[in-house]
Amino acid sequence: MPTLPGYDCTAVDLFSIENRRNPYPAYDQMRRMAPVCREPASGVWMVFDYEGVKRLLTDLQAFSSMGGPPEWMIFQDPPRHSRLRALVAQAFTPGSVAALEPRIRELSRRLIDAKIGDGEMDLALDLAIPLPMLVIGEMLGLPPEDQSSFERWNDVFLRMSYTVPGGPGVEEIVAEFAMTTAEMHEYLGRLLEERRVRPRNDLFTRLLQAELEGERLTQTEILGFFQLLLLAGSETTTNLLNNAVISLAENREAYARIQATPELLPSAIEEVLRYRSPLQWMFRIARQDVEMGGQHIPAGKRVLAMIGAANRDPAIFPEPNRFIPDRNPNPHLAFGHGIHFCLGSSLARLEAKIALADLLERTSEIELASDAPWTPRPGLHVHGPTSLPIRFRCSAAT
């Protein structure tokens, strides 16, 4: 069906609980009817097709990333983004991520050990939420007893997504974020002073020591990365783990294949990233008037790159609504594309590979333990459940 001139995104409410739980039929409808359209209440534009989303993420002349918290590097354009990313990359290295593997295995096993004998668990509350928070604490050298604060702060960051489409409560959400930022500034100041006096082999120490052309990160810039790491570093892995188990429980043939051929797991993780993308959209701001999909997007307007829709585009992915664990090629955009490609993608993949391999090795016949529709995570931009009860049999390897 050709694009409809001036089409508004009134056909579906993409932010409803039902559509956040299963947005894919709505995505298919919008991609067919109008791959580029405007939501009339907020004036936000949305792009649903793969090529359009890819352009949004890479066309730096037409689209800006600015508009979010100013110290988060994902909301910066070059040259400031280039400087921040180069400094952070000195500290957040592939080697430092790889060195975490033994500890991730230990943490994953400890969490699973606590529930394996019960034959059931809440995957979200017992494994998928605490594991990445514990790993981030390990990376940063943070006290384990502070984890409850990290989870509380992360929930505040998730609620910031409600400010993008607008609506009631925006002022309260922004005020809550400001209060949390002030609290974290004080917390971070104490930790950084400790690292200056007694450096450790942790990420905070490396962030303090990173240097580029005589410049170092300020405390405010380190705080921005700390906040971003808490949100992206935890939420992506949490939803990847939850969505992997949902996908396997709903696709028994694929589940059986992976159980019989564990070597398929890395490919299956990539398919989860495509099929149930943990991050459903990113926003950009039009720098100038832009023509896309037969539509005219005025300069200054906010545009959502609907990653979850792009990753089900039949023009790119044959049988896009099938979960195919050995799909190849699989050029999904789950971690973004271009200069803002997720710096922590290797960490999310590593955590998922370790935790899922452990779970699949020690259990069999995993199934969802409730027929009740699950409640989405607090952020509008993420996809996954707040709670996920599952049942399973313990394997002989347990």
Protein backbone atom coordinates (compact mmCIF):
# COMPACT_ATOMS: atom_id res chain seq x y z
CA MET A 1 0.00 0.00 0.00
CA PRO A 2 1.46 3.40 -0.92
CA THR A 3 2.28 5.93 1.75
CA LEU A 4 -0.69 8.12 2.61
CA PRO A 5 -0.01 11.86 2.28
CA GLY A 6 0.03 13.54 5.69
CA TYR A 7 -0.85 10.28 7.46
CA ASP A 8 -1.13 10.62 11.25
CA CYS A 9 -0.26 7.76 13.61
CA THR A 10 -3.84 7.54 14.86
CA ALA A 11 -4.47 3.93 13.85
CA VAL A 12 -2.95 2.49 17.03
CA ASP A 13 -1.75 3.64 20.42
CA LEU A 14 1.82 2.32 20.39
CA PHE A 15 2.33 3.32 24.02
CA SER A 16 -0.61 1.34 25.42
CA ILE A 17 0.17 -1.53 27.80
CA GLU A 18 -1.17 -4.07 25.31
CA ASN A 19 0.89 -2.75 22.40
CA ARG A 20 4.01 -2.41 24.52
CA ARG A 21 3.60 -6.07 25.40
CA ASN A 22 3.18 -7.06 21.76
CA PRO A 23 3.86 -4.13 19.41
CA TYR A 24 4.60 -6.22 16.32
CA PRO A 25 1.13 -6.41 14.69
CA ALA A 26 0.89 -2.62 15.08
CA TYR A 27 4.37 -2.20 13.63
CA ASP A 28 3.44 -4.33 10.63
CA GLN A 29 0.31 -2.26 10.07
CA MET A 30 2.14 1.06 10.32
CA ARG A 31 5.04 -0.09 8.14
CA ARG A 32 2.56 -1.05 5.40
CA MET A 33 0.34 2.02 5.67
CA ALA A 34 2.85 4.76 6.41
CA PRO A 35 6.46 3.92 7.29
CA VAL A 36 6.90 7.59 8.23
CA CYS A 37 4.07 9.25 10.14
CA ARG A 38 3.26 11.85 12.80
CA GLU A 39 1.61 11.26 16.17
CA PRO A 40 -0.85 14.17 16.30
CA ALA A 41 -1.15 14.68 20.07
CA SER A 42 2.58 15.22 20.65
CA GLY A 43 3.75 16.10 17.14
CA VAL A 44 6.41 13.37 17.38
CA TRP A 45 7.27 11.66 14.09
CA MET A 46 7.89 7.91 13.86
CA VAL A 47 9.84 5.90 11.30
CA PHE A 48 9.05 2.17 11.01
CA ASP A 49 11.01 0.75 8.05
CA TYR A 50 14.57 -0.58 8.23
CA GLU A 51 16.19 1.79 5.74
CA GLY A 52 14.46 4.80 7.27
CA VAL A 53 15.54 3.86 10.80
CA LYS A 54 19.09 3.23 9.63
CA ARG A 55 19.16 6.68 8.04
CA LEU A 56 17.90 8.29 11.26
CA LEU A 57 20.75 6.66 13.17
CA THR A 58 23.50 7.57 10.71
CA ASP A 59 22.62 10.79 8.87
CA LEU A 60 24.36 13.27 11.17
CA GLN A 61 23.71 16.24 8.90
CA ALA A 62 19.94 15.77 8.85
CA PHE A 63 19.38 14.49 12.40
CA SER A 64 20.79 15.44 15.81
CA SER A 65 21.06 13.24 18.90
CA MET A 66 20.79 16.17 21.31
CA GLY A 67 17.76 16.67 23.49
CA GLY A 68 18.29 14.33 26.44
CA PRO A 69 20.41 14.71 29.59
CA PRO A 70 23.30 16.88 28.35
CA GLU A 71 26.10 14.83 29.95
CA TRP A 72 24.97 11.52 28.44
CA MET A 73 27.14 10.95 25.39
CA ILE A 74 24.31 9.28 23.47
CA PHE A 75 22.61 12.69 23.49
CA GLN A 76 25.62 14.50 22.04
CA ASP A 77 26.74 15.17 18.48
CA PRO A 78 30.32 15.42 17.23
CA PRO A 79 32.74 16.83 18.14
CA ARG A 80 31.70 16.59 21.81
CA HIS A 81 30.38 13.06 21.38
CA SER A 82 33.66 12.00 19.75
CA ARG A 83 35.68 13.35 22.69
CA LEU A 84 33.48 11.74 25.36
CA ARG A 85 33.36 8.38 23.60
CA ALA A 86 37.12 8.33 23.02
CA LEU A 87 37.78 9.04 26.70
CA VAL A 88 35.25 6.51 27.97
CA ALA A 89 36.53 3.89 25.52
CA GLN A 90 39.97 4.13 27.15
CA ALA A 91 38.41 2.86 30.37
CA PHE A 92 35.62 0.63 29.03
CA THR A 93 37.87 -1.64 26.96
CA PRO A 94 37.18 -5.06 25.37
CA GLY A 95 39.84 -6.49 27.69
CA SER A 96 38.13 -5.15 30.81
CA VAL A 97 34.84 -6.68 29.66
CA ALA A 98 36.43 -10.05 28.84
CA ALA A 99 38.13 -10.11 32.25
CA LEU A 100 34.69 -10.12 33.89
CA GLU A 101 33.72 -13.50 32.44
CA PRO A 102 34.73 -15.66 35.45
CA ARG A 103 32.94 -13.32 37.86
CA ILE A 104 29.80 -13.20 35.67
CA ARG A 105 29.73 -17.01 35.70
CA GLU A 106 30.03 -17.00 39.48
CA LEU A 107 27.26 -14.44 39.92
CA SER A 108 24.95 -16.18 37.45
CA ARG A 109 25.44 -19.56 39.13
CA ARG A 110 24.84 -18.07 42.57
CA LEU A 111 21.54 -16.52 41.49
CA ILE A 112 20.36 -19.70 39.76
CA ASP A 113 21.52 -21.87 42.69
CA ALA A 114 19.15 -19.96 44.97
CA LYS A 115 16.11 -21.11 42.95
CA ILE A 116 17.07 -24.19 40.96
CA GLY A 117 15.83 -26.64 43.56
CA ASP A 118 12.35 -25.10 43.57
CA GLY A 119 11.56 -26.04 39.98
CA GLU A 120 10.31 -22.49 39.45
CA MET A 121 11.54 -18.92 39.68
CA ASP A 122 10.68 -15.40 38.66
CA LEU A 123 13.25 -15.04 35.91
CA ALA A 124 13.08 -11.24 35.98
CA LEU A 125 13.29 -10.72 39.74
CA ASP A 126 15.60 -13.65 40.52
CA LEU A 127 18.08 -13.46 37.63
CA ALA A 128 17.54 -10.98 34.79
CA ILE A 129 17.30 -7.82 36.92
CA PRO A 130 19.93 -8.51 39.63
CA LEU A 131 22.62 -10.06 37.39
CA PRO A 132 23.51 -6.98 35.28
CA MET A 133 23.24 -4.71 38.32
CA LEU A 134 25.73 -6.93 40.18
CA VAL A 135 28.05 -6.98 37.15
CA ILE A 136 27.99 -3.18 36.88
CA GLY A 137 28.78 -2.96 40.58
CA GLU A 138 31.76 -5.27 40.01
CA MET A 139 33.01 -3.16 37.10
CA LEU A 140 32.78 0.08 39.04
CA GLY A 141 34.00 -1.33 42.34
CA LEU A 142 30.79 -0.40 44.16
CA PRO A 143 29.63 -1.86 47.48
CA PRO A 144 27.07 -4.69 46.93
CA GLU A 145 24.85 -3.22 49.64
CA ASP A 146 24.24 -0.18 47.39
CA GLN A 147 22.45 -2.27 44.74
CA SER A 148 18.99 -1.25 45.94
CA SER A 149 19.94 2.38 45.25
CA PHE A 150 21.11 1.45 41.74
CA GLU A 151 17.76 -0.19 40.98
CA ARG A 152 15.86 2.80 42.34
CA TRP A 153 17.94 5.21 40.26
CA ASN A 154 17.48 3.04 37.16
CA ASP A 155 13.69 3.17 37.53
CA VAL A 156 13.90 6.98 37.58
CA PHE A 157 15.93 6.93 34.34
CA LEU A 158 13.39 4.61 32.72
CA ARG A 159 10.56 6.99 33.52
CA MET A 160 12.39 9.74 31.61
CA SER A 161 11.24 8.01 28.40
CA TYR A 162 7.72 9.33 29.13
CA THR A 163 8.96 12.85 28.45
CA VAL A 164 9.61 12.06 24.76
CA PRO A 165 6.00 11.69 23.54
CA GLY A 166 4.84 14.22 26.13
CA GLY A 167 1.73 13.86 28.23
CA PRO A 168 0.78 14.35 31.88
CA GLY A 169 3.36 14.13 34.63
CA VAL A 170 6.35 15.30 32.56
CA GLU A 171 7.31 18.07 35.01
CA GLU A 172 7.24 15.64 37.93
CA ILE A 173 9.42 13.14 36.03
CA VAL A 174 11.98 15.81 35.14
CA ALA A 175 12.06 17.03 38.76
CA GLU A 176 12.54 13.45 39.98
CA PHE A 177 15.46 13.03 37.58
CA ALA A 178 17.04 16.26 38.83
CA MET A 179 16.77 15.12 42.47
CA THR A 180 18.27 11.72 41.59
CA THR A 181 21.12 13.38 39.70
CA ALA A 182 21.94 15.54 42.74
CA GLU A 183 21.92 12.45 44.99
CA MET A 184 24.19 10.57 42.58
CA HIS A 185 26.56 13.55 42.28
CA GLU A 186 27.15 13.44 46.02
CA TYR A 187 27.55 9.64 46.00
CA LEU A 188 29.95 9.77 43.05
CA GLY A 189 32.02 12.58 44.57
CA ARG A 190 32.86 10.42 47.59
CA LEU A 191 33.79 7.43 45.43
CA LEU A 192 35.98 9.41 43.05
CA GLU A 193 37.84 11.05 45.93
CA GLU A 194 38.56 7.58 47.33
CA ARG A 195 39.89 6.47 43.90
CA ARG A 196 42.14 9.55 43.64
CA VAL A 197 43.69 8.73 47.01
CA ARG A 198 43.73 4.95 46.55
CA PRO A 199 43.42 3.90 42.88
CA ARG A 200 41.92 0.48 42.23
CA ASN A 201 41.63 -1.85 39.27
CA ASP A 202 38.10 -0.74 38.47
CA LEU A 203 36.20 1.31 35.91
CA PHE A 204 35.92 4.45 38.06
CA THR A 205 39.71 4.58 38.47
CA ARG A 206 40.24 4.10 34.73
CA LEU A 207 37.69 6.83 33.95
CA LEU A 208 39.61 9.22 36.22
CA GLN A 209 42.89 8.32 34.52
CA ALA A 210 41.63 8.48 30.90
CA GLU A 211 43.26 11.35 29.00
CA LEU A 212 42.92 12.76 25.50
CA GLU A 213 45.15 15.60 24.31
CA GLY A 214 45.72 16.71 27.89
CA GLU A 215 41.99 16.64 28.79
CA ARG A 216 40.31 14.36 31.30
CA LEU A 217 36.69 13.63 32.11
CA THR A 218 35.05 15.96 34.60
CA GLN A 219 33.03 14.61 37.52
CA THR A 220 29.84 15.70 35.74
CA GLU A 221 30.87 13.78 32.61
CA ILE A 222 31.73 10.68 34.65
CA LEU A 223 28.33 11.01 36.33
CA GLY A 224 26.66 11.11 32.91
CA PHE A 225 28.42 7.88 31.92
CA PHE A 226 27.57 6.34 35.31
CA GLN A 227 23.88 7.09 34.75
CA LEU A 228 23.98 5.83 31.19
CA LEU A 229 25.78 2.64 32.23
CA LEU A 230 23.22 1.96 34.96
CA LEU A 231 20.37 2.34 32.50
CA ALA A 232 21.69 0.87 29.25
CA GLY A 233 24.07 -1.60 30.89
CA SER A 234 21.38 -3.13 33.05
CA GLU A 235 18.19 -2.69 31.06
CA THR A 236 19.49 -4.15 27.80
CA THR A 237 20.74 -7.33 29.49
CA THR A 238 17.65 -7.64 31.69
CA ASN A 239 15.31 -7.50 28.72
CA LEU A 240 17.56 -9.67 26.56
CA LEU A 241 17.46 -12.47 29.16
CA ASN A 242 13.71 -12.16 29.75
CA ASN A 243 12.91 -11.95 26.05
CA ALA A 244 15.13 -14.93 25.26
CA VAL A 245 13.19 -17.15 27.66
CA ILE A 246 9.83 -15.84 26.38
CA SER A 247 10.97 -16.55 22.80
CA LEU A 248 12.09 -20.09 23.65
CA ALA A 249 8.96 -20.84 25.68
CA GLU A 250 6.78 -19.72 22.77
CA ASN A 251 8.87 -21.48 20.10
CA ARG A 252 9.32 -25.04 21.30
CA GLU A 253 10.99 -26.28 18.13
CA ALA A 254 13.68 -23.61 18.38
CA TYR A 255 14.06 -24.36 22.10
CA ALA A 256 14.60 -28.07 21.35
CA ARG A 257 17.19 -27.25 18.68
CA ILE A 258 19.20 -25.08 21.06
CA GLN A 259 18.98 -27.69 23.83
CA ALA A 260 20.28 -30.33 21.41
CA THR A 261 22.90 -28.03 19.84
CA PRO A 262 24.24 -25.57 22.43
CA GLU A 263 26.57 -24.10 19.80
CA LEU A 264 23.48 -22.37 18.39
CA LEU A 265 23.14 -20.15 21.46
CA PRO A 266 25.19 -17.15 20.24
CA SER A 267 23.20 -17.07 16.99
CA ALA A 268 19.95 -17.49 18.94
CA ILE A 269 20.89 -14.50 21.13
CA GLU A 270 21.28 -12.39 17.99
CA GLU A 271 17.85 -13.56 16.88
CA VAL A 272 16.35 -12.56 20.23
CA LEU A 273 17.90 -9.12 19.78
CA ARG A 274 16.14 -8.86 16.43
CA TYR A 275 12.88 -10.66 17.22
CA ARG A 276 12.21 -9.01 20.60
CA SER A 277 14.54 -6.02 20.62
CA PRO A 278 15.27 -4.91 24.23
CA LEU A 279 15.37 -1.29 23.04
CA GLN A 280 12.36 -0.44 20.87
CA TRP A 281 13.19 3.11 19.81
CA MET A 282 15.70 5.94 19.93
CA PHE A 283 14.89 9.55 19.23
CA ARG A 284 16.55 12.12 16.98
CA ILE A 285 15.76 15.77 16.22
CA ALA A 286 15.54 17.01 12.63
CA ARG A 287 18.26 19.61 12.06
CA GLN A 288 16.56 20.78 8.88
CA ASP A 289 13.45 20.07 6.83
CA VAL A 290 13.69 16.42 5.80
CA GLU A 291 11.83 14.37 3.19
CA MET A 292 11.35 10.74 4.25
CA GLY A 293 8.88 8.11 3.08
CA GLY A 294 6.97 10.68 1.08
CA GLN A 295 6.52 12.85 4.16
CA HIS A 296 7.88 16.28 5.07
CA ILE A 297 9.44 16.42 8.55
CA PRO A 298 9.97 20.06 9.60
CA ALA A 299 13.21 21.18 11.20
CA GLY A 300 13.23 20.97 14.99
CA LYS A 301 10.75 18.09 15.22
CA ARG A 302 11.47 15.01 17.33
CA VAL A 303 11.64 11.75 15.38
CA LEU A 304 11.53 8.22 16.84
CA ALA A 305 13.62 5.57 15.11
CA MET A 306 11.40 2.53 15.72
CA ILE A 307 14.12 -0.11 16.04
CA GLY A 308 11.72 -2.88 17.03
CA ALA A 309 9.77 -2.32 13.81
CA ALA A 310 12.88 -2.07 11.64
CA ASN A 311 14.07 -5.43 12.95
CA ARG A 312 10.86 -7.07 11.64
CA ASP A 313 10.96 -5.40 8.20
CA PRO A 314 10.23 -8.12 5.59
CA ALA A 315 12.29 -6.19 3.02
CA ILE A 316 15.39 -7.13 5.05
CA PHE A 317 14.44 -10.21 7.08
CA PRO A 318 12.70 -13.17 5.38
CA GLU A 319 9.85 -14.49 7.54
CA PRO A 320 10.41 -11.63 10.00
CA ASN A 321 7.75 -12.80 12.46
CA ARG A 322 9.35 -16.23 12.85
CA PHE A 323 11.97 -16.90 15.51
CA ILE A 324 14.80 -18.59 13.60
CA PRO A 325 17.73 -19.34 15.95
CA ASP A 326 20.29 -19.79 13.17
CA ARG A 327 19.16 -16.83 11.05
CA ASN A 328 21.98 -15.72 8.77
CA PRO A 329 22.53 -12.98 7.81
CA ASN A 330 20.99 -11.06 10.69
CA PRO A 331 21.83 -7.34 10.30
CA HIS A 332 19.58 -6.22 13.18
CA LEU A 333 19.77 -2.72 14.63
CA ALA A 334 19.15 -3.72 18.25
CA PHE A 335 22.33 -1.97 19.44
CA GLY A 336 21.87 1.02 17.17
CA HIS A 337 24.09 1.87 14.22
CA GLY A 338 26.81 4.37 13.37
CA ILE A 339 28.68 6.54 15.87
CA HIS A 340 26.22 5.78 18.68
CA PHE A 341 26.47 1.99 18.33
CA CYS A 342 26.16 0.64 21.87
CA LEU A 343 29.54 0.69 23.62
CA GLY A 344 28.33 -2.05 26.00
CA SER A 345 27.02 -4.48 23.37
CA SER A 346 29.83 -6.98 24.03
CA LEU A 347 29.04 -6.95 27.76
CA ALA A 348 25.31 -7.58 27.16
CA ARG A 349 26.10 -10.45 24.79
CA LEU A 350 28.58 -11.96 27.25
CA GLU A 351 26.16 -11.81 30.19
CA ALA A 352 23.35 -13.31 28.10
CA LYS A 353 25.55 -16.11 26.77
CA ILE A 354 26.76 -17.07 30.24
CA ALA A 355 23.40 -16.84 32.05
CA LEU A 356 21.35 -18.55 29.32
CA ALA A 357 23.91 -21.33 28.84
CA ASP A 358 23.89 -21.95 32.60
CA LEU A 359 20.09 -21.95 32.75
CA LEU A 360 19.65 -24.22 29.71
CA GLU A 361 22.32 -26.66 30.90
CA ARG A 362 20.79 -27.04 34.35
CA THR A 363 17.12 -27.15 33.38
CA SER A 364 14.77 -28.61 30.81
CA GLU A 365 11.15 -28.09 29.79
CA ILE A 366 11.18 -24.40 30.66
CA GLU A 367 7.70 -22.90 30.34
CA LEU A 368 5.93 -19.74 31.41
CA ALA A 369 4.26 -20.36 34.77
CA SER A 370 1.41 -17.91 34.29
CA ASP A 371 -1.12 -17.28 31.54
CA ALA A 372 -1.65 -13.73 32.78
CA PRO A 373 -0.34 -11.02 30.44
CA TRP A 374 2.95 -9.72 31.75
CA THR A 375 3.45 -6.14 32.89
CA PRO A 376 5.98 -4.17 30.78
CA ARG A 377 9.09 -2.61 32.30
CA PRO A 378 8.67 1.03 33.42
CA GLY A 379 10.31 2.65 30.36
CA LEU A 380 8.31 3.32 27.19
CA HIS A 381 11.39 2.68 25.04
CA VAL A 382 12.22 -0.80 26.35
CA HIS A 383 10.55 -4.14 25.70
CA GLY A 384 10.32 -6.83 28.34
CA PRO A 385 8.46 -7.90 31.49
CA THR A 386 8.73 -6.56 35.02
CA SER A 387 8.04 -10.07 36.33
CA LEU A 388 8.36 -13.43 34.53
CA PRO A 389 7.41 -16.56 36.52
CA ILE A 390 8.72 -19.75 34.87
CA ARG A 391 8.61 -23.49 35.63
CA PHE A 392 11.23 -26.06 34.68
CA ARG A 393 12.69 -29.49 35.37
CA CYS A 394 16.12 -29.74 36.91
CA SER A 395 18.54 -31.58 34.60
CA ALA A 396 21.03 -34.21 35.63
CA ALA A 397 23.78 -31.60 35.37
CA THR A 398 22.36 -29.61 38.28
